[in-house]
Amino acid sequence: MQGVGTRQYAEGMTDRQLALRAWESLFRAQHQVLGEISTDFDGAEITQAEYDVLLTVVRGSAMTARLRDITANSLTSQPSVSRLVERMVLRGLVTKAADPDDGRGAVVTATEAGARAFRNVAAVHGRSIASRMSVLDDDELAALLRLTEKLRR
């Protein structure tokens, strides 16, 4: 006999109340941690949104990424990413050109100034993330990674 809050709704489905509690906890943890590490961008040369774009671009071959890949890796909508990239072009952080493999697309390349600004923030941001995540041991971090990857599939 199952207790209150542990009902199964269908074969193989998880308990609804547990799922809701887990979701809320995940959401609140993400919100809290993001709030804490967002201070890494206070006074930085680039904003957190610009960092997000540059993260994809700098990791690409020759510090270049397709605009559609930047959008896919971003937490913001395609029109917002396009406007952000245009502002970054004007600031000299990236260049944008037609994608030679897809005439409708664009490729974005980090400038030296953009790559330098990214590296400056990445060093600080990486330490903040590592410090905040240090409350988990390596096995817990590996489990968290597996679970979040499973949720994203």
N, C-alpha and C. Protein backbone atom coordinates (compact mmCIF):
# COMPACT_ATOMS: atom_id res chain seq x y z
N MET A 1 0.84 -1.18 0.00
CA MET A 1 0.00 0.00 0.00
C MET A 1 0.88 1.24 0.00
N GLN A 2 0.55 2.19 -0.82
CA GLN A 2 1.37 3.39 -0.94
C GLN A 2 0.79 4.49 -0.08
N GLY A 3 1.69 5.27 0.54
CA GLY A 3 1.26 6.37 1.40
C GLY A 3 0.87 7.60 0.59
N VAL A 4 0.34 8.60 1.29
CA VAL A 4 -0.04 9.86 0.65
C VAL A 4 1.19 10.49 0.02
N GLY A 5 1.02 10.98 -1.19
CA GLY A 5 2.13 11.63 -1.89
C GLY A 5 3.03 10.67 -2.64
N THR A 6 2.73 9.38 -2.58
CA THR A 6 3.57 8.42 -3.30
C THR A 6 2.78 7.65 -4.33
N ARG A 7 1.60 8.12 -4.67
CA ARG A 7 0.77 7.44 -5.67
C ARG A 7 1.47 7.39 -7.02
N GLN A 8 1.32 6.29 -7.67
CA GLN A 8 1.80 6.15 -9.04
C GLN A 8 0.61 6.42 -9.96
N TYR A 9 0.77 7.28 -10.94
CA TYR A 9 -0.33 7.63 -11.82
C TYR A 9 -0.47 6.67 -12.98
N ALA A 10 0.57 6.07 -13.39
CA ALA A 10 0.54 5.08 -14.46
C ALA A 10 1.82 4.26 -14.34
N GLU A 11 1.79 3.12 -14.93
CA GLU A 11 2.96 2.25 -14.89
C GLU A 11 4.20 3.02 -15.37
N GLY A 12 5.24 3.05 -14.56
CA GLY A 12 6.49 3.69 -14.95
C GLY A 12 6.55 5.19 -14.69
N MET A 13 5.45 5.80 -14.31
CA MET A 13 5.48 7.25 -14.04
C MET A 13 5.89 7.49 -12.59
N THR A 14 6.54 8.59 -12.36
CA THR A 14 6.96 8.93 -11.01
C THR A 14 5.84 9.61 -10.25
N ASP A 15 6.02 9.68 -8.97
CA ASP A 15 5.06 10.35 -8.10
C ASP A 15 4.99 11.83 -8.45
N ARG A 16 3.81 12.33 -8.66
CA ARG A 16 3.61 13.72 -9.10
C ARG A 16 4.09 14.72 -8.05
N GLN A 17 3.75 14.51 -6.79
CA GLN A 17 4.17 15.44 -5.74
C GLN A 17 5.68 15.46 -5.59
N LEU A 18 6.31 14.30 -5.65
CA LEU A 18 7.77 14.24 -5.57
C LEU A 18 8.40 14.95 -6.76
N ALA A 19 7.82 14.75 -7.94
CA ALA A 19 8.34 15.42 -9.14
C ALA A 19 8.23 16.93 -8.99
N LEU A 20 7.11 17.41 -8.47
CA LEU A 20 6.94 18.85 -8.28
C LEU A 20 7.92 19.40 -7.25
N ARG A 21 8.13 18.68 -6.16
CA ARG A 21 9.08 19.13 -5.13
C ARG A 21 10.51 19.15 -5.68
N ALA A 22 10.86 18.12 -6.44
CA ALA A 22 12.21 18.06 -7.02
C ALA A 22 12.42 19.19 -8.00
N TRP A 23 11.40 19.45 -8.85
CA TRP A 23 11.50 20.55 -9.81
C TRP A 23 11.67 21.87 -9.10
N GLU A 24 10.87 22.12 -8.08
CA GLU A 24 10.96 23.38 -7.36
C GLU A 24 12.33 23.54 -6.70
N SER A 25 12.84 22.48 -6.13
CA SER A 25 14.16 22.54 -5.50
C SER A 25 15.25 22.82 -6.53
N LEU A 26 15.18 22.15 -7.69
CA LEU A 26 16.15 22.38 -8.76
C LEU A 26 16.08 23.83 -9.24
N PHE A 27 14.87 24.31 -9.46
CA PHE A 27 14.66 25.68 -9.94
C PHE A 27 15.20 26.68 -8.92
N ARG A 28 14.89 26.50 -7.64
CA ARG A 28 15.34 27.43 -6.61
C ARG A 28 16.86 27.38 -6.43
N ALA A 29 17.44 26.19 -6.51
CA ALA A 29 18.90 26.07 -6.40
C ALA A 29 19.57 26.79 -7.56
N GLN A 30 19.05 26.60 -8.77
CA GLN A 30 19.63 27.28 -9.93
C GLN A 30 19.52 28.79 -9.77
N HIS A 31 18.35 29.25 -9.36
CA HIS A 31 18.13 30.69 -9.19
C HIS A 31 19.09 31.27 -8.14
N GLN A 32 19.25 30.58 -7.03
CA GLN A 32 20.13 31.06 -5.96
C GLN A 32 21.59 31.08 -6.42
N VAL A 33 22.04 30.00 -7.02
CA VAL A 33 23.44 29.93 -7.45
C VAL A 33 23.72 30.97 -8.54
N LEU A 34 22.80 31.09 -9.51
CA LEU A 34 22.99 32.09 -10.56
C LEU A 34 23.06 33.50 -9.98
N GLY A 35 22.23 33.77 -8.99
CA GLY A 35 22.26 35.08 -8.34
C GLY A 35 23.60 35.34 -7.67
N GLU A 36 24.13 34.32 -7.03
CA GLU A 36 25.41 34.46 -6.33
C GLU A 36 26.58 34.67 -7.28
N ILE A 37 26.59 33.93 -8.38
CA ILE A 37 27.74 34.04 -9.29
C ILE A 37 27.57 35.15 -10.32
N SER A 38 26.39 35.75 -10.39
CA SER A 38 26.20 36.85 -11.35
C SER A 38 27.00 38.08 -10.95
N THR A 39 27.41 38.15 -9.69
CA THR A 39 28.23 39.29 -9.25
C THR A 39 29.60 39.28 -9.93
N ASP A 40 29.97 38.15 -10.53
CA ASP A 40 31.24 38.09 -11.27
C ASP A 40 31.27 39.10 -12.41
N PHE A 41 30.10 39.55 -12.85
CA PHE A 41 30.01 40.46 -14.00
C PHE A 41 29.91 41.92 -13.58
N ASP A 42 29.84 42.17 -12.28
CA ASP A 42 29.79 43.55 -11.80
C ASP A 42 31.11 44.24 -12.15
N GLY A 43 31.04 45.28 -12.94
CA GLY A 43 32.24 46.02 -13.34
C GLY A 43 33.08 45.34 -14.41
N ALA A 44 32.60 44.23 -14.95
CA ALA A 44 33.35 43.52 -15.99
C ALA A 44 33.17 44.23 -17.34
N GLU A 45 34.06 43.91 -18.27
CA GLU A 45 34.01 44.51 -19.62
C GLU A 45 32.81 44.02 -20.42
N ILE A 46 32.30 42.84 -20.06
CA ILE A 46 31.18 42.25 -20.79
C ILE A 46 30.08 41.86 -19.82
N THR A 47 28.87 41.80 -20.36
CA THR A 47 27.72 41.38 -19.55
C THR A 47 27.66 39.86 -19.51
N GLN A 48 26.78 39.36 -18.66
CA GLN A 48 26.60 37.91 -18.57
C GLN A 48 26.05 37.36 -19.89
N ALA A 49 25.17 38.08 -20.55
CA ALA A 49 24.63 37.64 -21.84
C ALA A 49 25.73 37.61 -22.91
N GLU A 50 26.61 38.61 -22.91
CA GLU A 50 27.72 38.63 -23.86
C GLU A 50 28.69 37.48 -23.57
N TYR A 51 28.92 37.21 -22.31
CA TYR A 51 29.76 36.08 -21.92
C TYR A 51 29.18 34.78 -22.47
N ASP A 52 27.86 34.64 -22.36
CA ASP A 52 27.19 33.43 -22.85
C ASP A 52 27.43 33.24 -24.35
N VAL A 53 27.33 34.31 -25.12
CA VAL A 53 27.61 34.25 -26.56
C VAL A 53 29.08 33.89 -26.79
N LEU A 54 29.97 34.60 -26.11
CA LEU A 54 31.40 34.38 -26.31
C LEU A 54 31.83 32.98 -25.87
N LEU A 55 31.15 32.39 -24.91
CA LEU A 55 31.46 31.04 -24.47
C LEU A 55 31.37 30.07 -25.64
N THR A 56 30.31 30.17 -26.41
CA THR A 56 30.14 29.30 -27.59
C THR A 56 31.14 29.66 -28.67
N VAL A 57 31.34 30.95 -28.91
CA VAL A 57 32.21 31.40 -30.00
C VAL A 57 33.67 31.04 -29.72
N VAL A 58 34.15 31.34 -28.53
CA VAL A 58 35.55 31.09 -28.20
C VAL A 58 35.89 29.61 -28.21
N ARG A 59 34.93 28.77 -27.86
CA ARG A 59 35.15 27.33 -27.88
C ARG A 59 35.15 26.75 -29.29
N GLY A 60 34.66 27.50 -30.27
CA GLY A 60 34.59 27.03 -31.65
C GLY A 60 35.93 27.04 -32.33
N SER A 61 36.01 26.31 -33.42
CA SER A 61 37.21 26.29 -34.23
C SER A 61 37.51 27.71 -34.71
N ALA A 62 38.74 28.15 -34.55
CA ALA A 62 39.18 29.50 -34.93
C ALA A 62 38.32 30.58 -34.26
N MET A 63 37.84 30.28 -33.05
CA MET A 63 37.01 31.22 -32.26
C MET A 63 35.82 31.71 -33.08
N THR A 64 35.20 30.76 -33.80
CA THR A 64 34.07 31.06 -34.67
C THR A 64 32.95 30.06 -34.40
N ALA A 65 31.71 30.56 -34.48
CA ALA A 65 30.54 29.69 -34.33
C ALA A 65 29.42 30.20 -35.23
N ARG A 66 28.59 29.30 -35.66
CA ARG A 66 27.41 29.69 -36.43
C ARG A 66 26.42 30.35 -35.48
N LEU A 67 25.72 31.34 -36.00
CA LEU A 67 24.72 32.05 -35.20
C LEU A 67 23.67 31.07 -34.66
N ARG A 68 23.28 30.10 -35.46
CA ARG A 68 22.27 29.14 -35.01
C ARG A 68 22.79 28.27 -33.85
N ASP A 69 24.11 28.01 -33.82
CA ASP A 69 24.68 27.25 -32.71
C ASP A 69 24.73 28.09 -31.44
N ILE A 70 25.01 29.37 -31.60
CA ILE A 70 24.99 30.27 -30.45
C ILE A 70 23.58 30.31 -29.87
N THR A 71 22.59 30.42 -30.73
CA THR A 71 21.20 30.46 -30.28
C THR A 71 20.83 29.15 -29.60
N ALA A 72 21.24 28.03 -30.15
CA ALA A 72 20.92 26.72 -29.57
C ALA A 72 21.53 26.56 -28.18
N ASN A 73 22.69 27.16 -27.95
CA ASN A 73 23.37 27.05 -26.66
C ASN A 73 22.96 28.14 -25.68
N SER A 74 22.15 29.06 -26.13
CA SER A 74 21.77 30.21 -25.32
C SER A 74 20.46 29.96 -24.59
N LEU A 75 20.25 30.70 -23.53
CA LEU A 75 19.00 30.61 -22.78
C LEU A 75 18.01 31.68 -23.22
N THR A 76 18.35 32.41 -24.28
CA THR A 76 17.46 33.46 -24.77
C THR A 76 16.98 33.13 -26.18
N SER A 77 15.97 33.84 -26.63
CA SER A 77 15.35 33.57 -27.93
C SER A 77 16.26 33.99 -29.08
N GLN A 78 15.97 33.44 -30.26
CA GLN A 78 16.76 33.75 -31.45
C GLN A 78 16.78 35.23 -31.76
N PRO A 79 15.64 35.94 -31.75
CA PRO A 79 15.70 37.38 -32.03
C PRO A 79 16.56 38.15 -31.01
N SER A 80 16.49 37.74 -29.75
CA SER A 80 17.29 38.41 -28.72
C SER A 80 18.78 38.16 -28.94
N VAL A 81 19.14 36.93 -29.31
CA VAL A 81 20.54 36.61 -29.57
C VAL A 81 21.03 37.41 -30.78
N SER A 82 20.23 37.50 -31.82
CA SER A 82 20.63 38.26 -33.01
C SER A 82 20.87 39.72 -32.67
N ARG A 83 19.98 40.33 -31.89
CA ARG A 83 20.17 41.73 -31.49
C ARG A 83 21.41 41.89 -30.61
N LEU A 84 21.63 40.95 -29.70
CA LEU A 84 22.80 40.99 -28.83
C LEU A 84 24.08 40.91 -29.66
N VAL A 85 24.12 40.00 -30.62
CA VAL A 85 25.30 39.86 -31.47
C VAL A 85 25.55 41.15 -32.25
N GLU A 86 24.50 41.78 -32.75
CA GLU A 86 24.67 43.05 -33.46
C GLU A 86 25.28 44.11 -32.54
N ARG A 87 24.83 44.17 -31.31
CA ARG A 87 25.42 45.13 -30.34
C ARG A 87 26.88 44.79 -30.06
N MET A 88 27.18 43.49 -30.00
CA MET A 88 28.56 43.06 -29.76
C MET A 88 29.46 43.41 -30.93
N VAL A 89 28.92 43.34 -32.15
CA VAL A 89 29.68 43.77 -33.34
C VAL A 89 30.03 45.25 -33.20
N LEU A 90 29.04 46.05 -32.84
CA LEU A 90 29.28 47.49 -32.68
C LEU A 90 30.29 47.80 -31.59
N ARG A 91 30.34 46.96 -30.57
CA ARG A 91 31.30 47.15 -29.47
C ARG A 91 32.68 46.59 -29.79
N GLY A 92 32.82 45.92 -30.93
CA GLY A 92 34.12 45.37 -31.32
C GLY A 92 34.47 44.07 -30.62
N LEU A 93 33.48 43.37 -30.09
CA LEU A 93 33.74 42.10 -29.40
C LEU A 93 33.72 40.91 -30.35
N VAL A 94 32.93 41.01 -31.42
CA VAL A 94 32.83 39.94 -32.41
C VAL A 94 32.67 40.56 -33.79
N THR A 95 32.89 39.74 -34.81
CA THR A 95 32.54 40.10 -36.18
C THR A 95 31.47 39.12 -36.62
N LYS A 96 30.72 39.52 -37.63
CA LYS A 96 29.64 38.67 -38.15
C LYS A 96 29.73 38.69 -39.67
N ALA A 97 29.65 37.50 -40.26
CA ALA A 97 29.72 37.39 -41.72
C ALA A 97 28.75 36.32 -42.19
N ALA A 98 28.46 36.34 -43.49
CA ALA A 98 27.60 35.32 -44.07
C ALA A 98 28.25 33.95 -43.91
N ASP A 99 27.45 32.95 -43.61
CA ASP A 99 27.94 31.58 -43.48
C ASP A 99 28.21 31.04 -44.88
N PRO A 100 29.46 30.67 -45.19
CA PRO A 100 29.77 30.19 -46.54
C PRO A 100 29.06 28.87 -46.88
N ASP A 101 28.65 28.12 -45.85
CA ASP A 101 27.98 26.84 -46.07
C ASP A 101 26.45 26.96 -46.08
N ASP A 102 25.95 28.11 -45.65
CA ASP A 102 24.50 28.31 -45.58
C ASP A 102 24.22 29.79 -45.79
N GLY A 103 23.82 30.15 -46.97
CA GLY A 103 23.62 31.55 -47.34
C GLY A 103 22.63 32.29 -46.45
N ARG A 104 21.73 31.57 -45.80
CA ARG A 104 20.76 32.22 -44.90
C ARG A 104 21.33 32.44 -43.51
N GLY A 105 22.42 31.76 -43.19
CA GLY A 105 22.99 31.83 -41.86
C GLY A 105 24.14 32.81 -41.75
N ALA A 106 24.67 32.89 -40.55
CA ALA A 106 25.81 33.78 -40.28
C ALA A 106 26.81 33.08 -39.38
N VAL A 107 28.05 33.48 -39.51
CA VAL A 107 29.09 33.02 -38.59
C VAL A 107 29.58 34.21 -37.78
N VAL A 108 29.87 33.93 -36.52
CA VAL A 108 30.31 34.96 -35.60
C VAL A 108 31.71 34.57 -35.13
N THR A 109 32.62 35.54 -35.16
CA THR A 109 34.00 35.29 -34.76
C THR A 109 34.39 36.28 -33.67
N ALA A 110 35.04 35.79 -32.62
CA ALA A 110 35.50 36.66 -31.55
C ALA A 110 36.67 37.50 -32.05
N THR A 111 36.66 38.78 -31.74
CA THR A 111 37.82 39.63 -32.01
C THR A 111 38.82 39.40 -30.89
N GLU A 112 40.00 39.94 -31.04
CA GLU A 112 40.98 39.83 -29.95
C GLU A 112 40.45 40.49 -28.68
N ALA A 113 39.79 41.64 -28.84
CA ALA A 113 39.22 42.32 -27.67
C ALA A 113 38.13 41.48 -27.02
N GLY A 114 37.30 40.84 -27.84
CA GLY A 114 36.24 39.98 -27.30
C GLY A 114 36.81 38.77 -26.58
N ALA A 115 37.81 38.14 -27.18
CA ALA A 115 38.43 36.96 -26.56
C ALA A 115 39.12 37.35 -25.26
N ARG A 116 39.79 38.50 -25.24
CA ARG A 116 40.47 38.96 -24.02
C ARG A 116 39.44 39.25 -22.91
N ALA A 117 38.36 39.93 -23.25
CA ALA A 117 37.32 40.24 -22.26
C ALA A 117 36.71 38.95 -21.72
N PHE A 118 36.49 37.99 -22.61
CA PHE A 118 35.96 36.69 -22.19
C PHE A 118 36.92 36.00 -21.22
N ARG A 119 38.20 35.94 -21.57
CA ARG A 119 39.18 35.26 -20.71
C ARG A 119 39.27 35.92 -19.35
N ASN A 120 39.21 37.27 -19.31
CA ASN A 120 39.28 37.98 -18.03
C ASN A 120 38.13 37.59 -17.11
N VAL A 121 36.93 37.55 -17.65
CA VAL A 121 35.77 37.18 -16.83
C VAL A 121 35.76 35.68 -16.56
N ALA A 122 36.16 34.87 -17.53
CA ALA A 122 36.12 33.41 -17.38
C ALA A 122 36.97 32.95 -16.21
N ALA A 123 38.11 33.59 -15.98
CA ALA A 123 38.97 33.20 -14.87
C ALA A 123 38.26 33.41 -13.54
N VAL A 124 37.66 34.56 -13.37
CA VAL A 124 36.93 34.88 -12.14
C VAL A 124 35.68 34.00 -12.02
N HIS A 125 34.93 33.91 -13.11
CA HIS A 125 33.67 33.17 -13.11
C HIS A 125 33.91 31.68 -12.84
N GLY A 126 34.93 31.13 -13.44
CA GLY A 126 35.27 29.72 -13.23
C GLY A 126 35.59 29.44 -11.77
N ARG A 127 36.34 30.34 -11.13
CA ARG A 127 36.64 30.17 -9.70
C ARG A 127 35.38 30.25 -8.86
N SER A 128 34.48 31.17 -9.19
CA SER A 128 33.22 31.31 -8.45
C SER A 128 32.37 30.05 -8.57
N ILE A 129 32.28 29.54 -9.79
CA ILE A 129 31.48 28.32 -10.01
C ILE A 129 32.09 27.16 -9.23
N ALA A 130 33.40 26.98 -9.34
CA ALA A 130 34.07 25.88 -8.64
C ALA A 130 33.88 26.00 -7.13
N SER A 131 33.99 27.22 -6.63
CA SER A 131 33.81 27.44 -5.19
C SER A 131 32.38 27.11 -4.76
N ARG A 132 31.41 27.59 -5.52
CA ARG A 132 30.00 27.37 -5.16
C ARG A 132 29.64 25.90 -5.27
N MET A 133 30.19 25.21 -6.25
CA MET A 133 29.87 23.80 -6.45
C MET A 133 30.69 22.88 -5.53
N SER A 134 31.65 23.44 -4.80
CA SER A 134 32.51 22.63 -3.93
C SER A 134 31.76 22.03 -2.75
N VAL A 135 30.51 22.41 -2.53
CA VAL A 135 29.72 21.78 -1.46
C VAL A 135 29.36 20.34 -1.85
N LEU A 136 29.54 20.01 -3.15
CA LEU A 136 29.31 18.65 -3.63
C LEU A 136 30.65 17.96 -3.85
N ASP A 137 30.71 16.67 -3.52
CA ASP A 137 31.95 15.93 -3.79
C ASP A 137 31.92 15.45 -5.25
N ASP A 138 33.01 14.84 -5.69
CA ASP A 138 33.13 14.44 -7.09
C ASP A 138 32.03 13.47 -7.51
N ASP A 139 31.67 12.53 -6.65
CA ASP A 139 30.60 11.59 -6.99
C ASP A 139 29.27 12.31 -7.14
N GLU A 140 28.99 13.27 -6.26
CA GLU A 140 27.75 14.04 -6.35
C GLU A 140 27.73 14.91 -7.60
N LEU A 141 28.88 15.52 -7.93
CA LEU A 141 28.95 16.33 -9.15
C LEU A 141 28.71 15.46 -10.39
N ALA A 142 29.31 14.26 -10.42
CA ALA A 142 29.11 13.36 -11.54
C ALA A 142 27.63 12.94 -11.63
N ALA A 143 27.01 12.68 -10.49
CA ALA A 143 25.58 12.31 -10.48
C ALA A 143 24.73 13.49 -10.95
N LEU A 144 25.04 14.69 -10.50
CA LEU A 144 24.30 15.87 -10.93
C LEU A 144 24.42 16.06 -12.44
N LEU A 145 25.62 15.89 -12.96
CA LEU A 145 25.83 16.01 -14.40
C LEU A 145 25.00 14.98 -15.16
N ARG A 146 25.03 13.72 -14.72
CA ARG A 146 24.24 12.67 -15.38
C ARG A 146 22.75 13.00 -15.33
N LEU A 147 22.28 13.44 -14.19
CA LEU A 147 20.85 13.73 -14.03
C LEU A 147 20.41 14.91 -14.88
N THR A 148 21.20 15.97 -14.90
CA THR A 148 20.80 17.14 -15.69
C THR A 148 20.89 16.85 -17.18
N GLU A 149 21.88 16.05 -17.59
CA GLU A 149 21.95 15.66 -19.00
C GLU A 149 20.74 14.81 -19.38
N LYS A 150 20.32 13.94 -18.47
CA LYS A 150 19.15 13.10 -18.72
C LYS A 150 17.89 13.96 -18.85
N LEU A 151 17.75 14.98 -18.01
CA LEU A 151 16.61 15.88 -18.09
C LEU A 151 16.61 16.66 -19.40
N ARG A 152 17.77 16.98 -19.94
CA ARG A 152 17.87 17.79 -21.16
C ARG A 152 17.60 16.97 -22.41
N ARG A 153 17.64 15.64 -22.32
CA ARG A 153 17.40 14.79 -23.50
C ARG A 153 15.95 14.80 -23.88
